C-alpha atoms as a PDB file:
ATOM      1  CA  MET A   1      -1.591  21.854 -14.634  1.00  0.00           C
ATOM      2  CA  SER A   2      -1.773  22.047 -10.723  1.00  0.00           C
ATOM      3  CA  VAL A   3      -4.684  21.212  -8.360  1.00  0.00           C
ATOM      4  CA  LYS A   4      -3.319  22.992  -5.141  1.00  0.00           C
ATOM      5  CA  LEU A   5      -4.255  19.845  -3.023  1.00  0.00           C
ATOM      6  CA  PRO A   6      -1.919  18.957  -0.100  1.00  0.00           C
ATOM      7  CA  ILE A   7      -0.381  15.742  -0.178  1.00  0.00           C
ATOM      8  CA  LEU A   8      -0.515  13.803   3.020  1.00  0.00           C
ATOM      9  CA  GLY A   9       1.598  11.136   2.064  1.00  0.00           C
ATOM     10  CA  VAL A  10       2.661   7.927  -0.393  1.00  0.00           C
ATOM     11  CA  VAL A  11       1.366   4.516  -0.479  1.00  0.00           C
ATOM     12  CA  GLU A  12       3.852   2.010  -2.370  1.00  0.00           C
ATOM     13  CA  ASN A  13       1.518   0.363  -4.966  1.00  0.00           C
ATOM     14  CA  MET A  14       2.432  -3.101  -6.732  1.00  0.00           C
ATOM     15  CA  SER A  15       5.184  -3.381  -3.872  1.00  0.00           C
ATOM     16  CA  GLY A  16       5.486  -7.236  -4.937  1.00  0.00           C
ATOM     17  CA  PHE A  17       3.092 -10.056  -5.537  1.00  0.00           C
ATOM     18  CA  VAL A  18       1.309 -12.149  -3.018  1.00  0.00           C
ATOM     19  CA  CYS A  19       1.399 -15.586  -4.183  1.00  0.00           C
ATOM     20  CA  PRO A  20      -2.347 -16.939  -4.305  1.00  0.00           C
ATOM     21  CA  HIS A  21      -1.339 -20.837  -3.328  1.00  0.00           C
ATOM     22  CA  CYS A  22       1.680 -19.367  -0.554  1.00  0.00           C
ATOM     23  CA  ALA A  23       0.741 -16.209   0.549  1.00  0.00           C
ATOM     24  CA  ASP A  24       4.843 -15.184  -0.195  1.00  0.00           C
ATOM     25  CA  CYS A  25       5.333 -11.909  -1.111  1.00  0.00           C
ATOM     26  CA  THR A  26       7.663 -11.621  -4.268  1.00  0.00           C
ATOM     27  CA  ASN A  27       9.369  -8.439  -5.481  1.00  0.00           C
ATOM     28  CA  ILE A  28       8.363  -8.349  -9.298  1.00  0.00           C
ATOM     29  CA  PHE A  29       9.347  -4.962  -9.658  1.00  0.00           C
ATOM     30  CA  SER A  30      11.719  -3.111  -7.332  1.00  0.00           C
ATOM     31  CA  SER A  31      10.960  -2.065  -3.976  1.00  0.00           C
ATOM     32  CA  GLY A  32      11.267   0.910  -1.745  1.00  0.00           C
ATOM     33  CA  GLY A  33      10.352   3.547  -4.330  1.00  0.00           C
ATOM     34  CA  GLY A  34       7.464   4.816  -2.241  1.00  0.00           C
ATOM     35  CA  GLU A  35       9.813   5.297   1.026  1.00  0.00           C
ATOM     36  CA  SER A  36      12.572   7.357  -0.854  1.00  0.00           C
ATOM     37  CA  MET A  37      10.126   9.246  -2.671  1.00  0.00           C
ATOM     38  CA  ALA A  38       8.743  10.075   1.038  1.00  0.00           C
ATOM     39  CA  LYS A  39      11.844  11.105   2.296  1.00  0.00           C
ATOM     40  CA  ASP A  40      13.001  12.758  -0.824  1.00  0.00           C
ATOM     41  CA  TYR A  41       9.415  15.471   0.017  1.00  0.00           C
ATOM     42  CA  ASN A  42       9.743  15.148   3.447  1.00  0.00           C
ATOM     43  CA  ILE A  43       6.448  13.421   3.734  1.00  0.00           C
ATOM     44  CA  ASP A  44       4.769  10.467   5.495  1.00  0.00           C
ATOM     45  CA  SER A  45       5.058   7.004   3.973  1.00  0.00           C
ATOM     46  CA  PHE A  46       1.953   5.081   4.600  1.00  0.00           C
ATOM     47  CA  GLY A  47       3.240   1.676   3.453  1.00  0.00           C
ATOM     48  CA  LYS A  48       3.406  -0.859   0.500  1.00  0.00           C
ATOM     49  CA  VAL A  49       0.313  -2.486  -1.382  1.00  0.00           C
ATOM     50  CA  PRO A  50       1.160  -6.065  -3.264  1.00  0.00           C
ATOM     51  CA  ILE A  51      -0.488  -7.195  -5.973  1.00  0.00           C
ATOM     52  CA  ASP A  52      -2.565  -9.471  -4.314  1.00  0.00           C
ATOM     53  CA  PRO A  53      -5.580 -11.581  -6.254  1.00  0.00           C
ATOM     54  CA  ARG A  54      -7.076 -11.520  -3.149  1.00  0.00           C
ATOM     55  CA  PHE A  55      -8.433  -7.954  -3.385  1.00  0.00           C
ATOM     56  CA  THR A  56     -11.051  -9.095  -5.691  1.00  0.00           C
ATOM     57  CA  THR A  57     -13.000 -10.801  -3.230  1.00  0.00           C
ATOM     58  CA  MET A  58     -13.330  -7.569  -0.936  1.00  0.00           C
ATOM     59  CA  VAL A  59     -16.877  -6.485   0.071  1.00  0.00           C
ATOM     60  CA  HIS A  60     -16.193  -2.826   0.555  1.00  0.00           C
ATOM     61  CA  PRO A  61     -13.033  -1.017  -0.083  1.00  0.00           C
ATOM     62  CA  PHE A  62     -12.368   0.154   3.735  1.00  0.00           C
ATOM     63  CA  PHE A  63     -12.981  -3.229   4.760  1.00  0.00           C
ATOM     64  CA  LEU A  64     -10.259  -6.247   3.805  1.00  0.00           C
ATOM     65  CA  ARG A  65     -10.580  -9.152   5.014  1.00  0.00           C
ATOM     66  CA  ASP A  66      -6.846 -10.195   5.802  1.00  0.00           C
ATOM     67  CA  ASP A  67      -5.335  -9.275   8.610  1.00  0.00           C
ATOM     68  CA  ILE A  68      -2.322  -7.810   7.558  1.00  0.00           C
ATOM     69  CA  PHE A  69      -4.291  -5.168   5.586  1.00  0.00           C
ATOM     70  CA  CYS A  70      -6.570  -4.526   7.647  1.00  0.00           C
ATOM     71  CA  HIS A  71      -3.519  -3.699  10.209  1.00  0.00           C
ATOM     72  CA  MET A  72      -2.197  -1.306   7.547  1.00  0.00           C
ATOM     73  CA  GLU A  73      -5.874   0.199   7.392  1.00  0.00           C
ATOM     74  CA  LEU A  74      -5.889   1.044  11.218  1.00  0.00           C
ATOM     75  CA  HIS A  75      -2.539   2.511  10.768  1.00  0.00           C
ATOM     76  CA  LEU A  76      -3.829   4.867   8.285  1.00  0.00           C
ATOM     77  CA  MET A  77      -7.127   5.802   9.877  1.00  0.00           C
ATOM     78  CA  GLN A  78      -5.140   6.298  13.173  1.00  0.00           C
ATOM     79  CA  ARG A  79      -3.188   9.376  11.652  1.00  0.00           C
END
């Protein structure tokens, strides 16, 4: 079944796990699949979103508290 919507780009989900104690990001799954798929389909890669326990503290889905994620959101909004 096709919904015939344009695809703006790819966001690689679960790209690593962010430790809640030291904020280190560890690739527990393979990484780079989103970028590879974006290249294959000639579309933009918007970035990677790791598994991060701090997501549960978000107030609103568009206002993230961590500078890394705010930077990514601003990058997406500028497109």
